[in-house]
Amino acid sequence: MTVNSKPARWQQIRLINLALFTVLYILRRPADALYPSVWNEDGVFNIPQAIEHGWSSLLIPVNGYLIIPSKIITLLSLSISGLFYPEIAYLLTIIITLLVMVILTSSLIELPKKEYLPIIIALLPYDPEVFSTPLYIFWWTSLLLLVPLLASSQAKSKTSKFMIIVSTTLGCIGSPISILLIPTMIIKAYITRARFNYVILGLWSALSAVQMYFSLSQVSEKMDFSKFYMALPQFIGTYITYNSFFLRPNFISYTLSLAFLLVGCFALYSTLILRKQEFFNTSIAFLAVLSTILASWLRTNLEIHPFLAGPRYFFFPYVFLSIFLMTLYAIPSESTYRLKPRFFKGLCLLILIISCTTTWIQNSSRFYRTHHPLNWRDELYNCISSADSYNVTIHFNGDISQAWGHEYPREACVKIAQSGLFSQWYRFDKTWLQEFKSNRETQP
């Protein structure tokens, strides 16, 4: 009875956390559930490319990146109903995000307290820019790169290997972050010396090479190297809590950054030189934090903000910092050397709790993000009503006064309205078009 109670309790906690994650995920961008919209490059690139090129548009980069998971949602949504594209894309986004969380909390992953990871990600102090937006699903699928890195040594079945291959593929084709995370997979292959991990390393490297081919042109041309020393303190400070004190690096964020570097380097030394397996996950998380901060710097030159400008660039560093703390919390007491085990574990837990709560206690309005309603069907109707083409309104930041406009040919809008299984089975699209045509014919 005692032997079986632990797995059962773990599964209960896992299911509760996944349910809480789903609720928090919706609450952080409630307007998406009330009136889903088309956002940014999804309306400018993905939808027009899908209409013109079909499934071959998967291999067309957007802003220099292959974002195949996002394009898959676009193509699947259009194949169901172009008229109800925002609603279907929103639903698919939630489903795929939840599946990612299910995989990351499954027995496939060897990560201590992994069942709490979803709720931590939902509560971290950043603007929920990447939440529930179909365009940004690749930020979530890129987290699947954790699967080959943290896969359990017991994952030797064909199903487990298949899941690792699929996760690696989806993670690499989703964003160029796979390029900077290659060293972590090299360490995994070096430590385990397992043939399968070398296969995964080869797959990872090949797909990352493709991403690199498209991504090199996206590195910021005006790199300010004088700011680089501020990079780590800027992320660690605002990770702890978002307020005026931590907006710029200070003595606390510099001290914590130094501690992070010392502990991370020690974990790497213990993993690579001393071959201590208990430090492996910490080493992987340490390198992932540095890699993702480097990626943010290369892309934005640190002209970003966790709530006001490019908050998506804080997503990976914050998630990997949380995993870093989770791995430290679980290191065996005898491995903490001169540090008192309770103090060491308590400090890691305290930082996690502060990170997930303090920002929202200070200002709960930052927890959620809203936007003005923007009716996709009205835009399609106006487009089809035009003689030649129409400037379709697309959300940029949620403010209708700052929305983007993209010119759609009338024929493209007709194709969108007529696309999808719903147009054949339930006649939603056809009926709507017939009403439009009859109204137009009665006009003088």
Protein backbone atom coordinates (compact mmCIF):
# COMPACT_ATOMS: atom_id res chain seq x y z
CA MET A 1 0.00 0.00 0.00
CA THR A 2 2.81 2.41 0.90
CA VAL A 3 4.75 1.58 -2.26
CA ASN A 4 1.83 2.50 -4.56
CA SER A 5 0.73 5.61 -2.65
CA LYS A 6 3.66 7.78 -3.82
CA PRO A 7 3.00 7.45 -7.58
CA ALA A 8 -0.73 7.92 -7.00
CA ARG A 9 -0.15 11.08 -4.93
CA TRP A 10 2.32 12.40 -7.53
CA GLN A 11 -0.25 11.92 -10.28
CA GLN A 12 -2.90 13.72 -8.24
CA ILE A 13 -0.60 16.69 -7.64
CA ARG A 14 0.35 16.69 -11.31
CA LEU A 15 -3.28 16.74 -12.48
CA ILE A 16 -4.16 19.51 -10.01
CA ASN A 17 -1.23 21.61 -11.26
CA LEU A 18 -2.15 21.04 -14.90
CA ALA A 19 -5.74 22.09 -14.14
CA LEU A 20 -4.53 25.20 -12.29
CA PHE A 21 -2.18 25.99 -15.15
CA THR A 22 -5.06 25.86 -17.63
CA VAL A 23 -7.14 28.25 -15.52
CA LEU A 24 -4.24 30.67 -14.96
CA TYR A 25 -3.28 30.45 -18.63
CA ILE A 26 -6.76 31.64 -19.66
CA LEU A 27 -6.93 34.28 -16.92
CA ARG A 28 -3.65 35.86 -17.97
CA ARG A 29 -5.19 36.78 -21.34
CA PRO A 30 -8.96 36.60 -20.76
CA ALA A 31 -9.83 38.73 -23.79
CA ASP A 32 -8.52 35.99 -26.08
CA ALA A 33 -11.16 33.63 -24.74
CA LEU A 34 -13.93 36.24 -25.11
CA TYR A 35 -13.03 37.53 -28.57
CA PRO A 36 -10.08 35.78 -30.25
CA SER A 37 -8.28 37.83 -32.88
CA VAL A 38 -5.61 37.58 -35.55
CA TRP A 39 -2.24 38.89 -34.34
CA ASN A 40 0.93 40.36 -35.87
CA GLU A 41 2.81 38.19 -38.38
CA ASP A 42 0.03 35.62 -38.28
CA GLY A 43 -2.14 37.98 -40.31
CA VAL A 44 0.69 39.59 -42.27
CA PHE A 45 2.61 36.45 -43.30
CA ASN A 46 1.23 33.11 -42.11
CA ILE A 47 -2.36 33.34 -43.37
CA PRO A 48 -1.54 34.88 -46.78
CA GLN A 49 1.29 32.37 -47.31
CA ALA A 50 -1.00 29.48 -46.31
CA ILE A 51 -3.67 30.61 -48.79
CA GLU A 52 -1.16 31.06 -51.60
CA HIS A 53 1.21 28.13 -51.03
CA GLY A 54 -0.74 25.64 -48.89
CA TRP A 55 1.28 23.22 -46.78
CA SER A 56 4.51 24.11 -48.59
CA SER A 57 4.35 27.44 -46.70
CA LEU A 58 5.67 25.53 -43.64
CA LEU A 59 9.19 25.98 -45.02
CA ILE A 60 8.87 29.72 -45.64
CA PRO A 61 10.68 31.59 -42.84
CA VAL A 62 9.09 34.50 -40.96
CA ASN A 63 11.45 37.33 -39.99
CA GLY A 64 14.35 35.01 -40.72
CA TYR A 65 13.14 32.10 -38.58
CA LEU A 66 11.45 28.81 -39.26
CA ILE A 67 8.39 28.80 -36.99
CA ILE A 68 6.79 25.60 -38.25
CA PRO A 69 4.61 24.91 -35.15
CA SER A 70 2.92 28.30 -35.59
CA LYS A 71 2.36 27.66 -39.28
CA ILE A 72 0.91 24.22 -38.50
CA ILE A 73 -1.75 25.91 -36.34
CA THR A 74 -2.47 28.38 -39.17
CA LEU A 75 -2.88 25.61 -41.76
CA LEU A 76 -4.94 23.35 -39.49
CA SER A 77 -7.25 26.22 -38.52
CA LEU A 78 -7.82 27.20 -42.15
CA SER A 79 -8.47 23.56 -43.05
CA ILE A 80 -11.26 23.53 -40.44
CA SER A 81 -12.76 26.96 -41.11
CA GLY A 82 -11.24 30.17 -42.44
CA LEU A 83 -14.30 32.12 -41.34
CA PHE A 84 -13.85 31.04 -37.72
CA TYR A 85 -10.06 31.07 -37.89
CA PRO A 86 -9.36 33.03 -34.64
CA GLU A 87 -11.56 30.79 -32.49
CA ILE A 88 -10.15 27.55 -33.88
CA ALA A 89 -6.55 28.77 -33.73
CA TYR A 90 -7.06 29.84 -30.11
CA LEU A 91 -8.44 26.43 -29.16
CA LEU A 92 -5.59 24.60 -30.92
CA THR A 93 -3.07 26.85 -29.17
CA ILE A 94 -4.44 25.96 -25.73
CA ILE A 95 -4.50 22.25 -26.57
CA ILE A 96 -0.91 22.20 -27.87
CA THR A 97 0.37 24.25 -24.92
CA LEU A 98 -1.31 21.89 -22.47
CA LEU A 99 0.17 18.88 -24.30
CA VAL A 100 3.64 20.41 -23.90
CA MET A 101 3.02 20.76 -20.17
CA VAL A 102 1.75 17.17 -19.99
CA ILE A 103 4.95 15.91 -21.63
CA LEU A 104 7.22 18.03 -19.41
CA THR A 105 5.55 16.65 -16.27
CA SER A 106 5.44 13.03 -17.47
CA SER A 107 7.58 10.12 -16.32
CA LEU A 108 9.66 10.66 -19.46
CA ILE A 109 11.34 13.62 -17.73
CA GLU A 110 13.82 13.28 -14.88
CA LEU A 111 13.31 16.60 -13.11
CA PRO A 112 12.65 17.00 -9.38
CA LYS A 113 9.26 18.48 -8.49
CA LYS A 114 8.42 18.65 -12.19
CA GLU A 115 4.71 18.45 -11.38
CA TYR A 116 4.92 22.07 -10.15
CA LEU A 117 6.59 23.41 -13.31
CA PRO A 118 3.35 24.38 -15.16
CA ILE A 119 2.02 26.55 -12.34
CA ILE A 120 5.45 28.18 -11.91
CA ILE A 121 5.55 29.07 -15.62
CA ALA A 122 2.03 30.51 -15.38
CA LEU A 123 2.97 32.74 -12.41
CA LEU A 124 6.40 34.07 -13.44
CA PRO A 125 6.66 37.91 -13.50
CA TYR A 126 6.42 38.67 -17.21
CA ASP A 127 3.70 40.04 -19.46
CA PRO A 128 1.72 37.10 -20.89
CA GLU A 129 2.60 38.04 -24.48
CA VAL A 130 3.28 34.43 -25.50
CA PHE A 131 0.13 33.09 -23.81
CA SER A 132 -2.80 31.91 -25.98
CA THR A 133 -1.49 33.61 -29.14
CA PRO A 134 -1.27 31.12 -32.05
CA LEU A 135 1.68 33.00 -33.56
CA TYR A 136 3.76 32.45 -30.41
CA ILE A 137 3.08 28.75 -29.91
CA PHE A 138 6.68 28.08 -30.98
CA TRP A 139 7.88 29.56 -27.68
CA TRP A 140 6.05 26.74 -25.92
CA THR A 141 7.00 23.94 -28.31
CA SER A 142 10.65 25.02 -27.98
CA LEU A 143 10.43 23.95 -24.32
CA LEU A 144 10.23 20.39 -25.68
CA LEU A 145 14.01 20.58 -26.10
CA LEU A 146 14.04 19.81 -22.38
CA VAL A 147 12.78 16.31 -23.21
CA PRO A 148 15.99 14.95 -24.81
CA LEU A 149 18.08 16.85 -22.25
CA LEU A 150 16.23 15.67 -19.14
CA ALA A 151 14.93 12.33 -20.40
CA SER A 152 14.97 9.64 -17.76
CA SER A 153 17.69 7.00 -18.03
CA GLN A 154 14.86 4.46 -17.80
CA ALA A 155 13.24 5.81 -21.01
CA LYS A 156 14.38 2.97 -23.27
CA SER A 157 11.10 1.82 -24.76
CA LYS A 158 10.22 2.46 -28.42
CA THR A 159 7.45 4.83 -27.35
CA SER A 160 9.84 6.85 -25.18
CA LYS A 161 12.42 7.09 -27.95
CA PHE A 162 9.75 8.13 -30.43
CA MET A 163 8.57 10.89 -28.06
CA ILE A 164 12.15 12.12 -27.62
CA ILE A 165 12.68 12.26 -31.41
CA VAL A 166 9.38 14.10 -31.96
CA SER A 167 10.12 16.54 -29.12
CA THR A 168 13.60 17.25 -30.47
CA THR A 169 12.24 17.85 -33.96
CA LEU A 170 9.42 20.16 -32.84
CA GLY A 171 11.75 22.07 -30.53
CA CYS A 172 14.36 22.66 -33.24
CA ILE A 173 11.99 23.65 -36.04
CA GLY A 174 10.17 26.06 -33.76
CA SER A 175 12.86 28.63 -33.03
CA PRO A 176 16.62 29.28 -33.37
CA ILE A 177 17.11 28.83 -29.63
CA SER A 178 18.08 25.26 -30.51
CA ILE A 179 21.32 26.61 -32.00
CA LEU A 180 22.51 28.05 -28.68
CA LEU A 181 21.35 25.00 -26.72
CA ILE A 182 23.46 22.53 -28.74
CA PRO A 183 26.24 22.50 -26.07
CA THR A 184 23.75 21.12 -23.55
CA MET A 185 22.99 18.14 -25.80
CA ILE A 186 26.71 17.64 -26.41
CA ILE A 187 27.20 17.34 -22.64
CA LYS A 188 24.28 14.89 -22.42
CA ALA A 189 25.80 12.68 -25.14
CA TYR A 190 29.28 12.96 -23.60
CA ILE A 191 28.13 12.01 -20.11
CA THR A 192 25.85 9.13 -21.07
CA ARG A 193 27.87 7.79 -24.06
CA ALA A 194 24.58 6.27 -25.24
CA ARG A 195 24.19 5.60 -28.96
CA PHE A 196 20.65 6.97 -28.98
CA ASN A 197 21.80 10.30 -27.52
CA TYR A 198 24.38 10.62 -30.29
CA VAL A 199 21.56 10.08 -32.80
CA ILE A 200 19.54 12.84 -31.10
CA LEU A 201 22.60 15.10 -31.14
CA GLY A 202 22.95 14.53 -34.89
CA LEU A 203 19.27 15.30 -35.49
CA TRP A 204 19.45 18.37 -33.25
CA SER A 205 22.59 19.65 -35.02
CA ALA A 206 21.15 19.12 -38.53
CA LEU A 207 17.90 20.96 -37.77
CA SER A 208 19.77 23.73 -35.95
CA ALA A 209 22.02 24.17 -38.99
CA VAL A 210 18.88 24.85 -41.05
CA GLN A 211 17.71 27.39 -38.47
CA MET A 212 21.16 29.01 -38.47
CA TYR A 213 21.02 29.41 -42.26
CA PHE A 214 17.95 31.63 -41.90
CA SER A 215 18.75 33.25 -38.55
CA LEU A 216 22.19 34.80 -39.05
CA SER A 217 20.68 37.83 -40.76
CA GLN A 218 18.52 38.54 -37.68
CA VAL A 219 21.38 39.28 -35.26
CA SER A 220 21.28 42.93 -34.22
CA GLU A 221 23.74 44.95 -36.29
CA LYS A 222 24.26 47.56 -33.59
CA MET A 223 25.56 45.46 -30.73
CA ASP A 224 26.47 47.50 -27.67
CA PHE A 225 29.08 45.36 -25.91
CA SER A 226 29.31 47.88 -23.09
CA LYS A 227 25.86 46.67 -21.93
CA PHE A 228 26.71 42.99 -21.85
CA TYR A 229 27.86 43.01 -18.22
CA MET A 230 24.36 44.17 -17.30
CA ALA A 231 22.59 41.31 -19.06
CA LEU A 232 22.54 38.69 -16.31
CA PRO A 233 21.74 41.12 -13.44
CA GLN A 234 18.93 42.64 -15.51
CA PHE A 235 17.25 39.27 -15.95
CA ILE A 236 17.91 37.95 -12.45
CA GLY A 237 16.75 41.17 -10.76
CA THR A 238 13.43 41.36 -12.57
CA TYR A 239 12.99 37.60 -12.17
CA ILE A 240 12.90 37.99 -8.40
CA THR A 241 10.29 40.73 -8.55
CA TYR A 242 9.30 43.48 -10.94
CA ASN A 243 9.56 46.90 -9.30
CA SER A 244 11.51 50.15 -9.57
CA PHE A 245 14.35 48.81 -7.41
CA PHE A 246 15.18 45.95 -9.79
CA LEU A 247 14.48 47.76 -13.06
CA ARG A 248 18.18 48.50 -13.33
CA PRO A 249 20.98 46.26 -12.04
CA ASN A 250 21.98 46.95 -8.44
CA PHE A 251 24.14 45.42 -5.73
CA ILE A 252 21.56 42.70 -4.93
CA SER A 253 21.11 41.58 -8.55
CA TYR A 254 24.90 41.66 -9.08
CA THR A 255 25.46 39.60 -5.92
CA LEU A 256 22.84 37.04 -6.94
CA SER A 257 24.29 36.93 -10.47
CA LEU A 258 27.73 36.19 -9.04
CA ALA A 259 26.24 33.45 -6.84
CA PHE A 260 24.43 32.02 -9.87
CA LEU A 261 27.67 31.93 -11.88
CA LEU A 262 29.65 30.34 -9.05
CA VAL A 263 27.06 27.64 -8.37
CA GLY A 264 26.54 27.00 -12.09
CA CYS A 265 30.28 26.70 -12.80
CA PHE A 266 30.68 24.39 -9.82
CA ALA A 267 27.81 22.24 -11.13
CA LEU A 268 29.51 22.06 -14.54
CA TYR A 269 32.83 21.12 -12.91
CA SER A 270 31.13 18.44 -10.83
CA THR A 271 29.33 17.07 -13.89
CA LEU A 272 32.15 17.08 -16.43
CA ILE A 273 35.23 16.50 -14.24
CA LEU A 274 33.99 14.75 -11.11
CA ARG A 275 31.21 12.93 -13.00
CA LYS A 276 28.64 13.56 -10.27
CA GLN A 277 25.25 12.74 -11.80
CA GLU A 278 23.32 14.73 -9.20
CA PHE A 279 24.63 18.00 -10.72
CA PHE A 280 23.74 17.15 -14.33
CA ASN A 281 20.28 18.81 -14.39
CA THR A 282 21.69 21.90 -12.66
CA SER A 283 24.43 22.16 -15.30
CA ILE A 284 21.91 21.86 -18.13
CA ALA A 285 19.65 24.54 -16.60
CA PHE A 286 22.67 26.81 -15.96
CA LEU A 287 23.79 26.65 -19.60
CA ALA A 288 20.20 27.10 -20.80
CA VAL A 289 19.87 30.32 -18.79
CA LEU A 290 23.10 31.74 -20.20
CA SER A 291 22.21 30.65 -23.75
CA THR A 292 18.74 32.20 -23.72
CA ILE A 293 19.98 35.47 -22.21
CA LEU A 294 22.65 35.55 -24.91
CA ALA A 295 19.95 34.96 -27.54
CA SER A 296 17.90 37.86 -26.16
CA TRP A 297 20.96 40.11 -26.25
CA LEU A 298 21.88 39.14 -29.82
CA ARG A 299 18.33 39.75 -31.00
CA THR A 300 17.42 42.94 -29.09
CA ASN A 301 20.65 44.46 -27.72
CA LEU A 302 18.82 44.35 -24.34
CA GLU A 303 16.37 47.09 -25.37
CA ILE A 304 13.59 45.05 -23.77
CA HIS A 305 11.34 45.09 -20.74
CA PRO A 306 9.41 42.26 -19.02
CA PHE A 307 6.12 44.15 -19.41
CA LEU A 308 6.49 47.07 -21.81
CA ALA A 309 8.83 46.02 -24.63
CA GLY A 310 9.47 42.52 -25.94
CA PRO A 311 8.40 40.61 -22.81
CA ARG A 312 8.61 37.36 -24.81
CA TYR A 313 12.41 37.58 -24.56
CA PHE A 314 12.14 37.02 -20.80
CA PHE A 315 10.12 33.81 -21.21
CA PHE A 316 12.98 31.32 -21.74
CA PRO A 317 15.43 32.84 -19.21
CA TYR A 318 12.77 32.95 -16.48
CA VAL A 319 11.63 29.37 -17.14
CA PHE A 320 15.19 28.03 -17.11
CA LEU A 321 16.07 30.05 -13.99
CA SER A 322 13.11 28.38 -12.28
CA ILE A 323 14.33 24.94 -13.37
CA PHE A 324 17.82 25.85 -12.10
CA LEU A 325 16.37 26.58 -8.65
CA MET A 326 14.24 23.42 -8.74
CA THR A 327 17.31 21.27 -9.44
CA LEU A 328 19.29 22.92 -6.63
CA TYR A 329 16.41 22.32 -4.23
CA ALA A 330 16.59 18.59 -4.97
CA ILE A 331 20.37 18.11 -4.73
CA PRO A 332 21.16 15.58 -1.95
CA SER A 333 22.17 17.14 1.36
CA GLU A 334 25.63 15.56 1.34
CA SER A 335 26.40 17.34 -1.94
CA THR A 336 25.88 20.87 -0.59
CA TYR A 337 29.26 20.73 1.14
CA ARG A 338 29.76 23.54 3.67
CA LEU A 339 26.37 25.10 3.09
CA LYS A 340 23.70 24.03 5.52
CA PRO A 341 21.26 21.86 3.55
CA ARG A 342 18.14 23.40 5.04
CA PHE A 343 19.40 26.94 4.40
CA PHE A 344 20.42 26.11 0.83
CA LYS A 345 17.11 24.43 -0.05
CA GLY A 346 15.11 27.07 1.82
CA LEU A 347 16.80 29.89 -0.11
CA CYS A 348 15.99 28.29 -3.48
CA LEU A 349 12.37 27.71 -2.47
CA LEU A 350 12.08 31.26 -1.11
CA ILE A 351 13.32 32.83 -4.36
CA LEU A 352 10.85 30.72 -6.35
CA ILE A 353 7.95 31.72 -4.13
CA ILE A 354 8.92 35.41 -4.24
CA SER A 355 9.24 35.29 -8.03
CA CYS A 356 5.79 33.76 -8.46
CA THR A 357 3.94 36.03 -6.03
CA THR A 358 5.55 39.38 -5.13
CA THR A 359 5.05 41.12 -8.47
CA TRP A 360 1.32 40.34 -8.45
CA ILE A 361 0.91 41.35 -4.81
CA GLN A 362 2.41 44.74 -5.68
CA ASN A 363 0.26 45.25 -8.77
CA SER A 364 -2.30 42.62 -9.70
CA SER A 365 -3.24 44.44 -12.92
CA ARG A 366 0.04 43.32 -14.49
CA PHE A 367 -1.00 39.69 -14.15
CA TYR A 368 -3.44 39.83 -17.04
CA ARG A 369 -3.51 41.46 -20.46
CA THR A 370 -6.58 42.62 -22.39
CA HIS A 371 -7.18 43.94 -25.89
CA HIS A 372 -9.88 45.66 -27.91
CA PRO A 373 -12.33 43.44 -29.79
CA LEU A 374 -11.50 42.98 -33.46
CA ASN A 375 -13.95 40.95 -35.52
CA TRP A 376 -12.23 38.78 -38.12
CA ARG A 377 -15.50 38.06 -39.97
CA ASP A 378 -16.26 41.76 -40.31
CA GLU A 379 -12.82 42.27 -41.83
CA LEU A 380 -13.39 39.41 -44.30
CA TYR A 381 -16.83 40.79 -45.17
CA ASN A 382 -15.35 44.25 -45.86
CA CYS A 383 -12.57 42.66 -47.91
CA ILE A 384 -15.02 40.69 -50.07
CA SER A 385 -17.18 43.80 -50.42
CA SER A 386 -14.24 45.71 -51.91
CA ALA A 387 -13.72 45.91 -55.63
CA ASP A 388 -10.11 44.77 -55.71
CA SER A 389 -8.27 44.62 -52.36
CA TYR A 390 -8.76 45.66 -48.74
CA ASN A 391 -6.48 46.69 -45.88
CA VAL A 392 -7.39 44.05 -43.28
CA THR A 393 -6.96 45.23 -39.67
CA ILE A 394 -4.70 43.00 -37.55
CA HIS A 395 -3.88 43.37 -33.86
CA PHE A 396 -0.35 44.44 -32.95
CA ASN A 397 -0.44 45.19 -29.22
CA GLY A 398 -4.15 44.97 -28.52
CA ASP A 399 -4.82 48.70 -28.94
CA ILE A 400 -7.12 49.15 -31.93
CA SER A 401 -5.66 52.62 -32.60
CA GLN A 402 -2.22 51.03 -33.13
CA ALA A 403 -3.39 48.02 -35.11
CA TRP A 404 -1.56 46.88 -38.20
CA GLY A 405 -3.08 46.87 -41.64
CA HIS A 406 -2.22 44.37 -44.36
CA GLU A 407 -3.56 44.47 -47.89
CA TYR A 408 -5.48 41.33 -48.85
CA PRO A 409 -6.66 40.77 -52.44
CA ARG A 410 -10.39 40.19 -52.65
CA GLU A 411 -9.78 36.71 -54.11
CA ALA A 412 -7.68 35.76 -51.07
CA CYS A 413 -10.48 36.78 -48.71
CA VAL A 414 -12.97 34.71 -50.71
CA LYS A 415 -10.64 31.71 -50.46
CA ILE A 416 -10.33 32.19 -46.69
CA ALA A 417 -14.11 32.42 -46.23
CA GLN A 418 -14.67 29.32 -48.35
CA SER A 419 -11.88 27.24 -46.84
CA GLY A 420 -12.25 24.47 -44.28
CA LEU A 421 -14.36 21.42 -43.50
CA PHE A 422 -17.07 23.52 -41.84
CA SER A 423 -17.86 25.16 -45.17
CA GLN A 424 -18.72 21.73 -46.60
CA TRP A 425 -20.39 20.04 -43.64
CA TYR A 426 -22.29 22.84 -41.93
CA ARG A 427 -22.48 25.39 -44.77
CA PHE A 428 -21.37 28.21 -42.46
CA ASP A 429 -19.10 29.77 -45.06
CA LYS A 430 -21.30 29.09 -48.09
CA THR A 431 -24.44 30.43 -46.42
CA TRP A 432 -22.60 33.53 -45.31
CA LEU A 433 -21.27 34.13 -48.84
CA GLN A 434 -24.67 33.52 -50.41
CA GLU A 435 -26.25 36.10 -48.11
CA PHE A 436 -23.49 38.51 -49.00
CA LYS A 437 -23.99 37.95 -52.75
CA SER A 438 -27.78 38.37 -52.51
CA ASN A 439 -27.40 41.58 -50.50
CA ARG A 440 -24.96 42.91 -53.04
CA GLU A 441 -27.25 42.09 -55.96
CA THR A 442 -30.16 43.98 -54.37
CA GLN A 443 -28.05 47.10 -53.93
CA PRO A 444 -28.65 49.79 -56.58
